[in-house]
Amino acid sequence: MRKWGIVVSLFYAVVVVVLLVPATMLLSWSDPHSQAFYSDLRDLYKEWIVWVPIAILLSGQTILLFVSVDTSQKRARPRSRTLISVIVSSMLFALLTFAALSSLGAAAYKDKFLDLYWNTELKVIACWGVLWLLWGIVFYLYFRNSTAVTARAVSWLLKGSILELLIAVPCHVIVRRRQDCSAPVATSFGIATGIAIMLLSFGPSVLLLYKKRIDSYSTRRSS
């Protein structure tokens, strides 16, 4: 299962870096067929702030996958697994919440929202950090006495990503119809984030189902 975890993590990394980043820019760009689009796409990869959400997604996917693997092999204490799952799921939920709030802000306040709240990298990271802390408290209180923490956290992430997309997509339609200048950047980021975390949720889910099937086989043999 550990090898499958590596394969799934590498595949997810390719999807996020090679497909979702250009898709985000494609959604926000007015003329994707122009030569400037490809030039700006190359420049986008050079911005360190772009790699922050990518690192969050890739680390979240990898940790949740290998927590699932360690669960099957009984290598980690339940309390440790609970804490890891809480930290990772709250980190990803904070990203979803930030993307949803950004989409709503862009739809309601147009380009003024980005000029006010996205004008510095420090504000963006600070906002996400506060949301991470808040969701961490909520998830800890909810999961501390729970069993199968990873499976429940993944279920929350899948439902949260669907809800976030239901917010981001209509907001994107609104800002595109208004022909806003910068607001589509926020809504396209929201769409890409929702899709990324939805895809992320399937990796641990597959390994958990695979683990459950293996456990059922071993139980039948022992009986």
C-alpha atoms as a PDB file:
ATOM      1  CA  MET A   1       0.000   0.000   0.000  1.00  0.00           C
ATOM      2  CA  ARG A   2       2.904   2.341   0.657  1.00  0.00           C
ATOM      3  CA  LYS A   3       3.976   2.055  -2.999  1.00  0.00           C
ATOM      4  CA  TRP A   4       0.449   2.910  -4.125  1.00  0.00           C
ATOM      5  CA  GLY A   5       0.573   5.918  -1.820  1.00  0.00           C
ATOM      6  CA  ILE A   6       3.702   7.160  -3.594  1.00  0.00           C
ATOM      7  CA  VAL A   7       2.143   6.605  -7.032  1.00  0.00           C
ATOM      8  CA  VAL A   8      -1.061   8.439  -6.105  1.00  0.00           C
ATOM      9  CA  SER A   9       0.899  11.327  -4.560  1.00  0.00           C
ATOM     10  CA  LEU A  10       3.073  11.740  -7.671  1.00  0.00           C
ATOM     11  CA  PHE A  11       0.054  11.627  -9.957  1.00  0.00           C
ATOM     12  CA  TYR A  12      -1.720  14.232  -7.845  1.00  0.00           C
ATOM     13  CA  ALA A  13       1.367  16.475  -7.919  1.00  0.00           C
ATOM     14  CA  VAL A  14       1.392  16.360 -11.729  1.00  0.00           C
ATOM     15  CA  VAL A  15      -2.323  17.175 -11.895  1.00  0.00           C
ATOM     16  CA  VAL A  16      -1.988  20.184  -9.593  1.00  0.00           C
ATOM     17  CA  VAL A  17       1.225  21.655 -11.035  1.00  0.00           C
ATOM     18  CA  VAL A  18       0.766  20.863 -14.730  1.00  0.00           C
ATOM     19  CA  LEU A  19      -3.015  21.078 -15.142  1.00  0.00           C
ATOM     20  CA  LEU A  20      -4.696  23.067 -12.375  1.00  0.00           C
ATOM     21  CA  VAL A  21      -2.262  25.997 -12.276  1.00  0.00           C
ATOM     22  CA  PRO A  22      -2.661  26.727 -16.027  1.00  0.00           C
ATOM     23  CA  ALA A  23      -6.413  26.117 -15.692  1.00  0.00           C
ATOM     24  CA  THR A  24      -6.599  28.741 -12.959  1.00  0.00           C
ATOM     25  CA  MET A  25      -4.920  31.294 -15.183  1.00  0.00           C
ATOM     26  CA  LEU A  26      -7.013  30.219 -18.169  1.00  0.00           C
ATOM     27  CA  LEU A  27     -10.226  30.933 -16.245  1.00  0.00           C
ATOM     28  CA  SER A  28      -9.078  34.406 -15.257  1.00  0.00           C
ATOM     29  CA  TRP A  29      -7.420  35.395 -18.546  1.00  0.00           C
ATOM     30  CA  SER A  30      -9.352  37.423 -21.085  1.00  0.00           C
ATOM     31  CA  ASP A  31      -7.489  36.159 -24.170  1.00  0.00           C
ATOM     32  CA  PRO A  32      -5.850  32.762 -23.559  1.00  0.00           C
ATOM     33  CA  HIS A  33      -4.753  32.469 -27.213  1.00  0.00           C
ATOM     34  CA  SER A  34      -2.458  35.476 -27.052  1.00  0.00           C
ATOM     35  CA  GLN A  35       1.295  35.076 -26.736  1.00  0.00           C
ATOM     36  CA  ALA A  36       1.221  37.079 -23.505  1.00  0.00           C
ATOM     37  CA  PHE A  37      -0.769  34.284 -21.839  1.00  0.00           C
ATOM     38  CA  TYR A  38       2.108  31.814 -22.080  1.00  0.00           C
ATOM     39  CA  SER A  39       4.604  34.426 -20.999  1.00  0.00           C
ATOM     40  CA  ASP A  40       2.540  35.316 -17.945  1.00  0.00           C
ATOM     41  CA  LEU A  41       2.045  31.623 -17.181  1.00  0.00           C
ATOM     42  CA  ARG A  42       5.809  31.159 -17.015  1.00  0.00           C
ATOM     43  CA  ASP A  43       6.073  34.192 -14.764  1.00  0.00           C
ATOM     44  CA  LEU A  44       3.320  32.791 -12.554  1.00  0.00           C
ATOM     45  CA  TYR A  45       5.391  29.705 -11.762  1.00  0.00           C
ATOM     46  CA  LYS A  46       8.213  32.011 -10.612  1.00  0.00           C
ATOM     47  CA  GLU A  47       6.058  33.650  -7.916  1.00  0.00           C
ATOM     48  CA  TRP A  48       6.695  32.073  -4.506  1.00  0.00           C
ATOM     49  CA  ILE A  49       3.171  32.825  -3.277  1.00  0.00           C
ATOM     50  CA  VAL A  50       1.777  30.521  -5.987  1.00  0.00           C
ATOM     51  CA  TRP A  51       3.709  27.614  -4.499  1.00  0.00           C
ATOM     52  CA  VAL A  52       2.172  28.104  -1.045  1.00  0.00           C
ATOM     53  CA  PRO A  53      -1.273  26.625  -1.915  1.00  0.00           C
ATOM     54  CA  ILE A  54       0.459  24.014  -4.079  1.00  0.00           C
ATOM     55  CA  ALA A  55       2.608  22.966  -1.107  1.00  0.00           C
ATOM     56  CA  ILE A  56      -0.480  22.878   1.124  1.00  0.00           C
ATOM     57  CA  LEU A  57      -2.322  20.609  -1.305  1.00  0.00           C
ATOM     58  CA  LEU A  58       0.594  18.262  -1.975  1.00  0.00           C
ATOM     59  CA  SER A  59       1.596  17.944   1.676  1.00  0.00           C
ATOM     60  CA  GLY A  60      -2.029  17.393   2.692  1.00  0.00           C
ATOM     61  CA  GLN A  61      -2.502  14.677   0.088  1.00  0.00           C
ATOM     62  CA  THR A  62       0.734  12.903   1.035  1.00  0.00           C
ATOM     63  CA  ILE A  63       0.201  13.033   4.798  1.00  0.00           C
ATOM     64  CA  LEU A  64      -3.392  11.813   4.643  1.00  0.00           C
ATOM     65  CA  LEU A  65      -2.363   8.991   2.328  1.00  0.00           C
ATOM     66  CA  PHE A  66       0.437   7.773   4.568  1.00  0.00           C
ATOM     67  CA  VAL A  67      -1.604   8.179   7.729  1.00  0.00           C
ATOM     68  CA  SER A  68      -4.019   5.772   6.046  1.00  0.00           C
ATOM     69  CA  VAL A  69      -1.177   3.357   5.299  1.00  0.00           C
ATOM     70  CA  ASP A  70       0.221   3.575   8.834  1.00  0.00           C
ATOM     71  CA  THR A  71      -3.262   2.935  10.200  1.00  0.00           C
ATOM     72  CA  SER A  72      -3.354  -0.399   8.397  1.00  0.00           C
ATOM     73  CA  GLN A  73       0.081  -1.344   9.695  1.00  0.00           C
ATOM     74  CA  LYS A  74      -0.541  -0.172  13.296  1.00  0.00           C
ATOM     75  CA  ARG A  75       2.635   1.911  13.335  1.00  0.00           C
ATOM     76  CA  ALA A  76       1.261   5.083  14.875  1.00  0.00           C
ATOM     77  CA  ARG A  77      -0.594   5.589  18.128  1.00  0.00           C
ATOM     78  CA  PRO A  78      -4.293   6.513  17.695  1.00  0.00           C
ATOM     79  CA  ARG A  79      -3.794   9.837  19.484  1.00  0.00           C
ATOM     80  CA  SER A  80      -0.929  10.732  17.144  1.00  0.00           C
ATOM     81  CA  ARG A  81      -2.992   9.836  14.093  1.00  0.00           C
ATOM     82  CA  THR A  82      -5.883  11.934  15.396  1.00  0.00           C
ATOM     83  CA  LEU A  83      -3.638  14.965  15.888  1.00  0.00           C
ATOM     84  CA  ILE A  84      -2.075  14.590  12.425  1.00  0.00           C
ATOM     85  CA  SER A  85      -5.468  14.227  10.767  1.00  0.00           C
ATOM     86  CA  VAL A  86      -6.785  17.292  12.619  1.00  0.00           C
ATOM     87  CA  ILE A  87      -3.801  19.431  11.605  1.00  0.00           C
ATOM     88  CA  VAL A  88      -3.943  18.412   7.944  1.00  0.00           C
ATOM     89  CA  SER A  89      -7.719  18.504   7.493  1.00  0.00           C
ATOM     90  CA  SER A  90      -7.994  21.903   9.200  1.00  0.00           C
ATOM     91  CA  MET A  91      -5.151  23.200   6.988  1.00  0.00           C
ATOM     92  CA  LEU A  92      -7.001  22.117   3.857  1.00  0.00           C
ATOM     93  CA  PHE A  93     -10.372  23.317   5.139  1.00  0.00           C
ATOM     94  CA  ALA A  94      -8.808  26.709   5.845  1.00  0.00           C
ATOM     95  CA  LEU A  95      -7.713  26.852   2.205  1.00  0.00           C
ATOM     96  CA  LEU A  96     -11.245  25.975   1.082  1.00  0.00           C
ATOM     97  CA  THR A  97     -12.746  28.628   3.358  1.00  0.00           C
ATOM     98  CA  PHE A  98     -10.263  31.255   2.183  1.00  0.00           C
ATOM     99  CA  ALA A  99     -11.081  30.446  -1.460  1.00  0.00           C
ATOM    100  CA  ALA A 100     -14.837  30.618  -0.818  1.00  0.00           C
ATOM    101  CA  LEU A 101     -14.587  33.941   1.046  1.00  0.00           C
ATOM    102  CA  SER A 102     -12.364  35.354  -1.695  1.00  0.00           C
ATOM    103  CA  SER A 103     -14.885  34.355  -4.357  1.00  0.00           C
ATOM    104  CA  LEU A 104     -17.757  35.926  -2.423  1.00  0.00           C
ATOM    105  CA  GLY A 105     -15.721  39.078  -1.801  1.00  0.00           C
ATOM    106  CA  ALA A 106     -14.804  39.416  -5.471  1.00  0.00           C
ATOM    107  CA  ALA A 107     -18.435  38.939  -6.530  1.00  0.00           C
ATOM    108  CA  ALA A 108     -19.735  41.464  -4.004  1.00  0.00           C
ATOM    109  CA  TYR A 109     -17.036  44.152  -4.069  1.00  0.00           C
ATOM    110  CA  LYS A 110     -15.532  43.663  -7.549  1.00  0.00           C
ATOM    111  CA  ASP A 111     -11.858  44.586  -7.938  1.00  0.00           C
ATOM    112  CA  LYS A 112     -11.916  46.609  -4.723  1.00  0.00           C
ATOM    113  CA  PHE A 113     -11.832  43.376  -2.739  1.00  0.00           C
ATOM    114  CA  LEU A 114      -8.486  42.321  -4.206  1.00  0.00           C
ATOM    115  CA  ASP A 115      -7.064  45.812  -3.842  1.00  0.00           C
ATOM    116  CA  LEU A 116      -8.002  45.800  -0.163  1.00  0.00           C
ATOM    117  CA  TYR A 117      -7.399  42.202   0.990  1.00  0.00           C
ATOM    118  CA  TRP A 118      -5.122  40.623  -1.639  1.00  0.00           C
ATOM    119  CA  ASN A 119      -2.746  43.564  -2.007  1.00  0.00           C
ATOM    120  CA  THR A 120       0.079  41.911  -0.023  1.00  0.00           C
ATOM    121  CA  GLU A 121       1.203  38.306   0.402  1.00  0.00           C
ATOM    122  CA  LEU A 122       1.359  38.825   4.170  1.00  0.00           C
ATOM    123  CA  LYS A 123      -2.378  39.582   4.366  1.00  0.00           C
ATOM    124  CA  VAL A 124      -3.225  36.496   2.330  1.00  0.00           C
ATOM    125  CA  ILE A 125      -1.079  34.161   4.433  1.00  0.00           C
ATOM    126  CA  ALA A 126      -2.217  35.760   7.715  1.00  0.00           C
ATOM    127  CA  CYS A 127      -5.885  35.304   6.776  1.00  0.00           C
ATOM    128  CA  TRP A 128      -5.321  31.667   5.868  1.00  0.00           C
ATOM    129  CA  GLY A 129      -3.361  31.123   9.095  1.00  0.00           C
ATOM    130  CA  VAL A 130      -6.208  32.476  11.240  1.00  0.00           C
ATOM    131  CA  LEU A 131      -8.682  30.231   9.420  1.00  0.00           C
ATOM    132  CA  TRP A 132      -6.342  27.258   9.955  1.00  0.00           C
ATOM    133  CA  LEU A 133      -6.274  27.944  13.697  1.00  0.00           C
ATOM    134  CA  LEU A 134     -10.051  28.266  13.915  1.00  0.00           C
ATOM    135  CA  TRP A 135     -10.710  25.096  11.934  1.00  0.00           C
ATOM    136  CA  GLY A 136      -8.030  23.299  13.958  1.00  0.00           C
ATOM    137  CA  ILE A 137      -9.951  24.033  17.169  1.00  0.00           C
ATOM    138  CA  VAL A 138     -13.243  22.928  15.598  1.00  0.00           C
ATOM    139  CA  PHE A 139     -11.802  19.707  14.188  1.00  0.00           C
ATOM    140  CA  TYR A 140      -9.978  18.834  17.404  1.00  0.00           C
ATOM    141  CA  LEU A 141     -13.166  19.190  19.459  1.00  0.00           C
ATOM    142  CA  TYR A 142     -15.074  17.151  16.888  1.00  0.00           C
ATOM    143  CA  PHE A 143     -12.526  14.362  16.275  1.00  0.00           C
ATOM    144  CA  ARG A 144     -10.812  13.958  19.654  1.00  0.00           C
ATOM    145  CA  ASN A 145     -13.048  11.078  20.784  1.00  0.00           C
ATOM    146  CA  SER A 146     -13.746   9.758  17.310  1.00  0.00           C
ATOM    147  CA  THR A 147     -12.671   6.537  15.622  1.00  0.00           C
ATOM    148  CA  ALA A 148     -11.644   6.300  11.957  1.00  0.00           C
ATOM    149  CA  VAL A 149     -10.529   9.934  12.060  1.00  0.00           C
ATOM    150  CA  THR A 150      -8.849   9.954   8.639  1.00  0.00           C
ATOM    151  CA  ALA A 151     -11.918   8.562   6.877  1.00  0.00           C
ATOM    152  CA  ARG A 152     -14.182  11.145   8.520  1.00  0.00           C
ATOM    153  CA  ALA A 153     -11.764  13.983   7.755  1.00  0.00           C
ATOM    154  CA  VAL A 154     -11.638  12.954   4.086  1.00  0.00           C
ATOM    155  CA  SER A 155     -15.442  12.861   4.003  1.00  0.00           C
ATOM    156  CA  TRP A 156     -15.544  16.401   5.400  1.00  0.00           C
ATOM    157  CA  LEU A 157     -13.057  17.569   2.778  1.00  0.00           C
ATOM    158  CA  LEU A 158     -15.071  16.065  -0.059  1.00  0.00           C
ATOM    159  CA  LYS A 159     -18.301  17.674   1.141  1.00  0.00           C
ATOM    160  CA  GLY A 160     -16.510  20.963   1.794  1.00  0.00           C
ATOM    161  CA  SER A 161     -14.999  21.027  -1.689  1.00  0.00           C
ATOM    162  CA  ILE A 162     -18.426  20.502  -3.274  1.00  0.00           C
ATOM    163  CA  LEU A 163     -19.899  23.318  -1.189  1.00  0.00           C
ATOM    164  CA  GLU A 164     -16.976  25.588  -2.061  1.00  0.00           C
ATOM    165  CA  LEU A 165     -17.471  24.930  -5.776  1.00  0.00           C
ATOM    166  CA  LEU A 166     -21.166  25.751  -5.440  1.00  0.00           C
ATOM    167  CA  ILE A 167     -20.015  29.157  -4.182  1.00  0.00           C
ATOM    168  CA  ALA A 168     -17.035  29.777  -6.461  1.00  0.00           C
ATOM    169  CA  VAL A 169     -18.610  28.845  -9.807  1.00  0.00           C
ATOM    170  CA  PRO A 170     -21.602  31.262  -9.625  1.00  0.00           C
ATOM    171  CA  CYS A 171     -19.286  33.997  -8.332  1.00  0.00           C
ATOM    172  CA  HIS A 172     -17.000  33.419 -11.315  1.00  0.00           C
ATOM    173  CA  VAL A 173     -19.931  33.705 -13.713  1.00  0.00           C
ATOM    174  CA  ILE A 174     -20.914  37.004 -12.076  1.00  0.00           C
ATOM    175  CA  VAL A 175     -17.475  38.613 -12.307  1.00  0.00           C
ATOM    176  CA  ARG A 176     -16.938  37.431 -15.883  1.00  0.00           C
ATOM    177  CA  ARG A 177     -20.263  38.856 -17.028  1.00  0.00           C
ATOM    178  CA  ARG A 178     -19.397  42.159 -15.394  1.00  0.00           C
ATOM    179  CA  GLN A 179     -16.033  42.020 -17.186  1.00  0.00           C
ATOM    180  CA  ASP A 180     -14.157  42.848 -13.999  1.00  0.00           C
ATOM    181  CA  CYS A 181     -10.431  43.288 -14.358  1.00  0.00           C
ATOM    182  CA  SER A 182      -8.901  41.464 -11.377  1.00  0.00           C
ATOM    183  CA  ALA A 183     -11.847  39.803  -9.651  1.00  0.00           C
ATOM    184  CA  PRO A 184     -11.760  36.664 -11.900  1.00  0.00           C
ATOM    185  CA  VAL A 185      -8.354  35.863 -10.381  1.00  0.00           C
ATOM    186  CA  ALA A 186     -10.014  35.254  -6.999  1.00  0.00           C
ATOM    187  CA  THR A 187     -12.938  33.236  -8.374  1.00  0.00           C
ATOM    188  CA  SER A 188     -10.757  31.115 -10.661  1.00  0.00           C
ATOM    189  CA  PHE A 189      -8.529  30.399  -7.662  1.00  0.00           C
ATOM    190  CA  GLY A 190     -11.664  29.306  -5.823  1.00  0.00           C
ATOM    191  CA  ILE A 191     -12.696  26.923  -8.607  1.00  0.00           C
ATOM    192  CA  ALA A 192      -9.221  25.412  -8.904  1.00  0.00           C
ATOM    193  CA  THR A 193      -8.977  24.980  -5.123  1.00  0.00           C
ATOM    194  CA  GLY A 194     -12.340  23.233  -4.931  1.00  0.00           C
ATOM    195  CA  ILE A 195     -11.410  20.846  -7.742  1.00  0.00           C
ATOM    196  CA  ALA A 196      -7.967  20.179  -6.254  1.00  0.00           C
ATOM    197  CA  ILE A 197      -9.300  19.256  -2.813  1.00  0.00           C
ATOM    198  CA  MET A 198     -12.095  17.197  -4.337  1.00  0.00           C
ATOM    199  CA  LEU A 199      -9.477  15.187  -6.241  1.00  0.00           C
ATOM    200  CA  LEU A 200      -7.311  15.037  -3.121  1.00  0.00           C
ATOM    201  CA  SER A 201     -10.170  13.400  -1.211  1.00  0.00           C
ATOM    202  CA  PHE A 202     -10.262  10.413  -3.548  1.00  0.00           C
ATOM    203  CA  GLY A 203      -6.671   9.307  -2.902  1.00  0.00           C
ATOM    204  CA  PRO A 204      -6.989   8.505   0.823  1.00  0.00           C
ATOM    205  CA  SER A 205     -10.512   7.186   0.214  1.00  0.00           C
ATOM    206  CA  VAL A 206      -9.197   4.595  -2.255  1.00  0.00           C
ATOM    207  CA  LEU A 207      -6.488   3.400   0.135  1.00  0.00           C
ATOM    208  CA  LEU A 208      -8.929   3.254   3.048  1.00  0.00           C
ATOM    209  CA  LEU A 209     -11.334   1.118   1.003  1.00  0.00           C
ATOM    210  CA  TYR A 210      -8.439  -1.083  -0.085  1.00  0.00           C
ATOM    211  CA  LYS A 211      -7.346  -1.443   3.562  1.00  0.00           C
ATOM    212  CA  LYS A 212     -10.891  -2.350   4.604  1.00  0.00           C
ATOM    213  CA  ARG A 213     -11.031  -5.070   1.961  1.00  0.00           C
ATOM    214  CA  ILE A 214      -7.641  -6.499   3.050  1.00  0.00           C
ATOM    215  CA  ASP A 215      -8.738  -6.478   6.710  1.00  0.00           C
ATOM    216  CA  SER A 216     -11.912  -8.371   5.810  1.00  0.00           C
ATOM    217  CA  TYR A 217      -9.875 -11.024   3.982  1.00  0.00           C
ATOM    218  CA  SER A 218      -7.497 -11.466   6.911  1.00  0.00           C
ATOM    219  CA  THR A 219     -10.459 -11.757   9.305  1.00  0.00           C
ATOM    220  CA  ARG A 220     -12.021 -14.534   7.196  1.00  0.00           C
ATOM    221  CA  ARG A 221      -8.742 -16.465   7.048  1.00  0.00           C
ATOM    222  CA  SER A 222      -8.180 -16.232  10.813  1.00  0.00           C
ATOM    223  CA  SER A 223     -11.707 -17.436  11.527  1.00  0.00           C
END
